[in-house]
Protein backbone atom coordinates (compact mmCIF):
# COMPACT_ATOMS: atom_id res chain seq x y z
CA MET A 1 101.65 290.19 -145.33
CA GLU A 2 104.69 291.91 -143.86
CA GLU A 3 105.82 290.71 -140.52
CA LYS A 4 107.91 292.49 -138.33
CA ILE A 5 108.91 291.83 -134.78
CA SER A 6 110.57 293.94 -132.18
CA THR A 7 111.57 292.02 -129.12
CA ALA A 8 112.61 293.32 -125.71
CA LYS A 9 116.02 292.70 -123.95
CA LYS A 10 114.97 289.36 -122.31
CA GLN A 11 112.31 288.48 -124.78
CA GLU A 12 109.79 288.27 -121.91
CA LYS A 13 107.92 291.37 -122.72
CA SER A 14 107.68 292.58 -126.14
CA ILE A 15 105.77 293.90 -129.19
CA ILE A 16 104.94 292.26 -132.35
CA ILE A 17 103.58 293.78 -135.32
CA PHE A 18 100.68 292.70 -137.64
CA ASN A 19 100.12 294.84 -140.85
CA ASN A 20 101.64 298.00 -139.07
CA GLN A 21 99.64 297.63 -136.03
CA SER A 22 101.31 296.45 -132.51
CA VAL A 23 100.18 293.64 -130.40
CA ARG A 24 101.51 293.42 -127.05
CA ARG A 25 102.78 289.94 -125.73
CA HIS A 26 104.52 288.30 -122.77
CA TRP A 27 106.53 285.17 -122.58
CA ASP A 28 106.12 282.85 -119.80
CA ASP A 29 109.26 280.83 -119.17
CA LYS A 30 107.66 278.17 -117.02
CA LYS A 31 104.76 277.55 -119.18
CA GLU A 32 106.72 278.14 -122.27
CA GLU A 33 103.72 280.13 -123.71
CA TRP A 34 103.12 283.38 -125.30
CA TYR A 35 100.21 285.71 -123.85
CA PHE A 36 98.88 288.32 -126.10
CA SER A 37 97.02 291.37 -125.35
CA ILE A 38 93.34 290.89 -126.15
CA ILE A 39 92.54 294.69 -126.40
CA ASP A 40 95.33 294.89 -129.06
CA VAL A 41 93.93 292.03 -131.02
CA ILE A 42 90.41 293.36 -130.96
CA ARG A 43 91.42 296.76 -132.06
CA ILE A 44 93.11 295.22 -135.11
CA LEU A 45 90.35 292.95 -136.11
CA THR A 46 87.50 295.38 -135.69
CA ASN A 47 89.03 298.70 -136.23
CA ASN A 48 86.83 299.78 -133.49
CA GLU A 49 87.58 302.88 -131.73
CA ARG A 50 86.50 301.65 -128.39
CA PRO A 51 88.14 298.21 -128.16
CA ARG A 52 87.59 298.00 -124.51
CA LYS A 53 83.97 298.34 -124.61
CA TYR A 54 83.78 295.73 -127.60
CA TRP A 55 85.73 293.33 -125.55
CA ASN A 56 83.49 293.80 -122.40
CA ASP A 57 80.42 293.25 -124.43
CA LEU A 58 81.93 290.10 -125.95
CA LYS A 59 83.32 288.76 -122.97
CA THR A 60 79.70 289.03 -121.25
CA LYS A 61 78.41 287.25 -124.13
CA LEU A 62 81.12 284.57 -124.03
CA LYS A 63 80.28 283.88 -120.37
CA GLN A 64 76.57 283.79 -120.93
CA GLU A 65 77.22 281.05 -123.79
CA GLY A 66 79.28 279.16 -121.42
CA SER A 67 82.39 279.44 -123.76
CA GLU A 68 85.59 277.72 -122.49
CA VAL A 69 87.50 280.83 -123.82
CA SER A 70 86.14 283.28 -121.00
CA GLU A 71 87.52 280.75 -118.34
CA LYS A 72 91.13 280.94 -119.82
CA ILE A 73 91.48 284.69 -119.82
CA GLY A 74 94.13 285.86 -117.59
CA GLN A 75 95.79 289.36 -116.70
CA LEU A 76 99.28 290.47 -116.89
CA LYS A 77 100.97 294.03 -116.46
CA MET A 78 101.92 295.47 -119.87
CA THR A 79 103.01 298.84 -120.79
CA ALA A 80 100.19 301.00 -121.69
CA PRO A 81 100.18 303.95 -124.18
CA ASP A 82 101.06 306.44 -121.37
CA GLY A 83 104.18 304.35 -120.61
CA LYS A 84 102.85 303.03 -117.38
CA MET A 85 102.47 299.24 -116.53
CA ARG A 86 98.71 298.39 -116.24
CA LEU A 87 96.78 295.20 -116.12
CA THR A 88 95.32 294.12 -119.33
CA ASP A 89 93.36 290.81 -120.20
CA VAL A 90 95.47 288.21 -122.12
CA GLY A 91 95.15 284.95 -123.69
CA ASP A 92 97.73 282.30 -124.80
CA THR A 93 97.81 281.39 -128.50
CA GLU A 94 95.29 278.68 -128.28
CA THR A 95 92.84 281.04 -126.50
CA MET A 96 93.50 283.75 -128.85
CA LEU A 97 92.76 281.61 -131.98
CA ARG A 98 89.63 280.51 -130.28
CA LEU A 99 88.58 284.25 -129.44
CA VAL A 100 89.33 285.32 -133.08
CA GLN A 101 86.50 282.91 -134.17
CA SER A 102 84.15 284.91 -132.12
CA ILE A 103 84.89 288.13 -133.89
CA PRO A 104 83.38 288.65 -137.44
CA SER A 105 86.32 290.28 -139.39
CA PRO A 106 87.72 289.92 -142.89
CA LYS A 107 91.16 289.85 -141.20
CA ALA A 108 90.25 286.89 -139.10
CA GLU A 109 91.93 284.08 -141.24
CA PRO A 110 95.24 285.97 -142.07
CA PHE A 111 95.30 286.89 -138.36
CA LYS A 112 94.86 283.34 -137.28
CA LEU A 113 97.78 282.18 -139.68
CA TRP A 114 100.09 284.91 -138.29
CA LEU A 115 99.13 284.18 -134.60
CA ALA A 116 100.12 280.72 -135.02
CA ARG A 117 103.39 281.53 -136.43
CA ALA A 118 103.98 284.26 -133.78
CA GLY A 119 103.34 281.75 -130.94
CA LYS A 120 105.59 279.05 -132.57
CA GLU A 121 108.54 281.47 -133.04
CA ARG A 122 109.65 281.80 -129.49
CA ILE A 123 109.76 278.15 -128.94
CA ASP A 124 111.76 277.48 -132.18
CA GLU A 125 114.08 280.44 -130.90
CA THR A 126 114.43 278.68 -127.45
CA ALA A 127 115.77 275.62 -129.13
CA ASP A 128 117.93 277.64 -131.46
CA PRO A 129 118.81 281.17 -130.24
CA GLU A 130 120.43 281.93 -133.66
CA LYS A 131 117.26 282.06 -135.07
CA ALA A 132 116.23 285.26 -133.10
CA ILE A 133 119.52 286.79 -134.20
CA ASP A 134 118.83 286.10 -137.91
CA ARG A 135 115.25 287.21 -137.56
CA ALA A 136 116.51 290.63 -135.99
CA MET A 137 119.11 290.94 -138.72
CA ARG A 138 116.61 290.53 -141.45
CA THR A 139 114.03 292.96 -139.83
CA TYR A 140 116.95 295.65 -139.64
CA LEU A 141 117.82 294.98 -143.03
CA LYS A 142 114.38 295.61 -144.32
CA LYS A 143 114.14 298.92 -142.54
CA GLY A 144 117.26 300.11 -144.47
CA TYR A 145 120.10 299.84 -141.82
CA PRO A 146 123.53 299.12 -142.98
CA LYS A 147 125.12 295.82 -141.90
CA GLU A 148 127.76 297.52 -139.82
CA TRP A 149 125.22 299.35 -137.86
CA ILE A 150 123.08 296.01 -137.53
CA ASN A 151 126.08 294.16 -136.05
CA GLN A 152 126.68 297.03 -133.35
CA ARG A 153 122.87 296.96 -132.35
CA LEU A 154 122.78 293.12 -132.07
CA LYS A 155 126.08 293.30 -129.65
CA SER A 156 124.32 296.01 -127.91
CA ILE A 157 121.34 293.85 -127.00
CA GLU A 158 123.86 291.21 -125.75
CA VAL A 159 125.64 293.73 -123.63
CA ARG A 160 122.27 295.15 -122.21
CA LYS A 161 121.11 291.72 -121.20
CA ASP A 162 124.58 291.04 -119.31
CA LEU A 163 123.68 294.23 -117.36
CA THR A 164 120.28 293.46 -116.49
CA ASP A 165 121.32 290.07 -115.35
CA GLU A 166 123.79 291.55 -113.25
CA TRP A 167 121.30 294.07 -111.79
CA GLU A 168 118.89 291.07 -111.00
CA ASN A 169 121.91 289.23 -109.32
CA ARG A 170 122.16 292.45 -107.08
CA GLY A 171 118.25 292.64 -106.07
CA VAL A 172 117.44 295.47 -108.60
CA LYS A 173 113.78 295.26 -109.58
CA GLU A 174 112.93 295.26 -113.35
CA GLY A 175 110.81 298.24 -114.14
CA LEU A 176 111.26 301.41 -112.43
CA GLU A 177 114.50 300.58 -110.64
CA PHE A 178 115.98 299.44 -114.10
CA ALA A 179 114.89 302.79 -115.57
CA ILE A 180 116.40 304.89 -112.84
CA LEU A 181 119.63 303.05 -113.21
CA THR A 182 119.45 303.45 -117.04
CA ASP A 183 119.03 307.13 -116.64
CA GLU A 184 122.18 307.32 -114.15
CA ILE A 185 124.19 305.58 -116.92
CA THR A 186 123.03 307.86 -119.62
CA LYS A 187 123.25 311.04 -117.73
CA ALA A 188 126.81 310.12 -117.14
CA TRP A 189 128.14 309.36 -120.53
CA THR A 190 126.08 311.90 -122.56
CA GLY A 191 127.07 314.84 -120.20
CA GLY A 192 123.48 315.16 -118.40
CA LEU A 193 120.79 313.89 -120.74
CA LYS A 194 118.17 311.44 -119.22
CA THR A 195 116.62 308.81 -121.48
CA LYS A 196 113.58 310.90 -122.06
CA ASP A 197 115.74 314.08 -122.77
CA TYR A 198 117.86 311.98 -125.23
CA LYS A 199 114.64 310.81 -126.97
CA LYS A 200 113.25 314.28 -127.23
CA LEU A 201 116.51 315.49 -128.72
CA LYS A 202 116.06 313.11 -131.44
CA ASP A 203 112.38 313.73 -131.82
CA LEU A 204 111.33 310.28 -130.86
CA LYS A 205 107.95 309.31 -129.07
CA LYS A 206 107.55 305.76 -128.87
CA GLU A 207 110.50 304.61 -131.05
CA ASN A 208 113.28 302.75 -129.64
CA LEU A 209 116.21 305.12 -128.57
CA ARG A 210 119.03 302.53 -129.44
CA ASP A 211 117.45 301.96 -132.93
CA ASN A 212 118.02 305.79 -133.41
CA MET A 213 121.56 305.89 -132.41
CA SER A 214 124.45 306.39 -134.77
CA ASN A 215 127.19 303.72 -134.70
CA LEU A 216 129.20 305.78 -132.41
CA GLU A 217 126.53 306.49 -130.05
CA LEU A 218 125.73 302.68 -129.78
CA VAL A 219 129.41 301.93 -129.25
CA LEU A 220 129.78 304.54 -126.29
CA ASN A 221 126.24 303.29 -124.76
CA MET A 222 127.70 299.82 -124.97
CA LEU A 223 130.96 300.94 -123.26
CA ALA A 224 128.86 302.55 -120.54
CA GLU A 225 126.69 299.52 -119.94
CA ALA A 226 129.56 297.01 -120.08
CA SER A 227 131.49 299.15 -117.80
CA THR A 228 128.69 299.21 -115.25
CA THR A 229 128.51 295.55 -115.53
CA GLU A 230 132.10 294.82 -114.73
CA ILE A 231 132.32 297.54 -111.81
CA SER A 232 129.17 295.85 -110.44
CA LYS A 233 130.78 292.54 -110.58
CA LYS A 234 133.70 293.74 -108.69
CA LYS A 235 132.23 295.85 -106.13
CA LYS A 236 128.92 293.80 -105.50
CA PRO A 237 126.67 296.65 -104.43
CA LYS A 238 124.08 295.56 -101.77
CA THR A 239 121.80 298.43 -101.84
CA PHE A 240 119.97 300.48 -104.69
CA GLU A 241 121.89 303.53 -103.75
CA ARG A 242 125.15 301.81 -104.26
CA ASN A 243 123.89 300.49 -107.53
CA LYS A 244 123.12 304.11 -108.62
CA SER A 245 126.67 305.05 -107.73
CA VAL A 246 128.21 302.16 -109.81
CA ALA A 247 125.89 303.02 -112.79
CA ARG A 248 127.30 306.60 -112.72
CA GLN A 249 130.77 305.25 -112.55
CA GLY A 250 130.25 302.92 -115.52
CA GLY A 251 128.43 305.85 -117.43
CA GLU A 252 131.40 308.21 -116.60
CA VAL A 253 133.95 305.58 -118.31
CA ALA A 254 131.92 306.32 -121.58
CA GLY A 255 131.52 309.95 -120.84
CA ASN A 256 135.26 310.46 -120.57
CA ALA A 257 135.66 308.62 -124.02
CA ARG A 258 132.97 310.87 -125.59
CA ILE A 259 134.71 314.05 -124.22
CA GLU A 260 138.11 312.87 -125.79
CA ILE A 261 136.65 312.04 -129.05
CA GLU A 262 134.82 315.47 -129.28
CA ARG A 263 138.21 317.18 -128.19
CA LYS A 264 140.03 315.35 -131.07
CA THR A 265 137.42 315.78 -133.87
CA GLY A 266 135.69 318.83 -133.00
CA VAL A 267 132.28 317.20 -133.58
CA LYS A 268 129.64 316.50 -131.11
CA VAL A 269 128.88 312.69 -130.60
CA ILE A 270 125.22 313.18 -129.48
CA ALA A 271 123.37 313.46 -132.69
CA GLY A 272 119.86 315.23 -132.70
CA LYS A 273 119.01 312.67 -135.52
CA ASN A 274 116.87 309.74 -135.87
CA THR A 275 117.14 306.79 -138.20
CA LYS A 276 115.09 308.62 -140.73
CA MET A 277 117.67 311.40 -140.88
CA PHE A 278 120.28 309.03 -141.04
CA GLY A 279 118.70 307.12 -143.93
CA LYS A 280 118.55 310.50 -145.76
CA GLU A 281 122.12 311.10 -145.37
CA ARG A 282 122.92 307.42 -146.63
CA LYS A 283 120.85 308.20 -149.70
CA LYS A 284 122.94 311.46 -150.33
CA ILE A 285 126.26 309.70 -149.69
CA LYS A 286 125.06 306.97 -152.43
């Protein structure tokens, strides 16, 4: 069984992969528990094209039987396939392990072992953050990324975390407001591209944009976000509009660097390539 994990910036909201199928999850800092999307798990175990109906029928059955599982189901907002945050039924690791026992599936036993490891992983990483870094390194290596790129990517996660911490200190709300400010930074350093335009240029859909940047794109994006963080700490913006202005200023720092690089090299920095294309080029070089 191949296990791959993709963790969001603060590891509070993330996706974990079981046999090439994604399971959404949320880390609760206070309870120190992972909560998993029940619909995602049912889709994997049953191969049912209507997992929501399957879950509604199962939930009714569990209630009628007086199962404790039905009483431990909660709801959290998670990113839906359309990109919007929607409420979805979730359960912690213990609840999910019990729920799996109610679903006849040949995948049940390997899934339970996988789920137990997935639940334990975050607690281990809280005690030793280096484990999260090592895991990310291994995952990127398996995907064929060169070590130089991986080091840049891991650094970009740290830079992004510093920026989002600063935004939270300034009262910026995670979600839509984070996305708006990120767009301001991206537009400023790329010469007008919003994040969705940038992804479209690289022919990406659900894939992570940063995972499909070249070394130079990653460096400039980090410069833009690090500059925004430092300017924000200095100016201490008190309104969302002021935060937007700071985001543009931070992006412009990297934008000026991009323009100078392109002037000196005669080559466009913004590459209309994704990691698959970069991988093909690496093979040709070898």
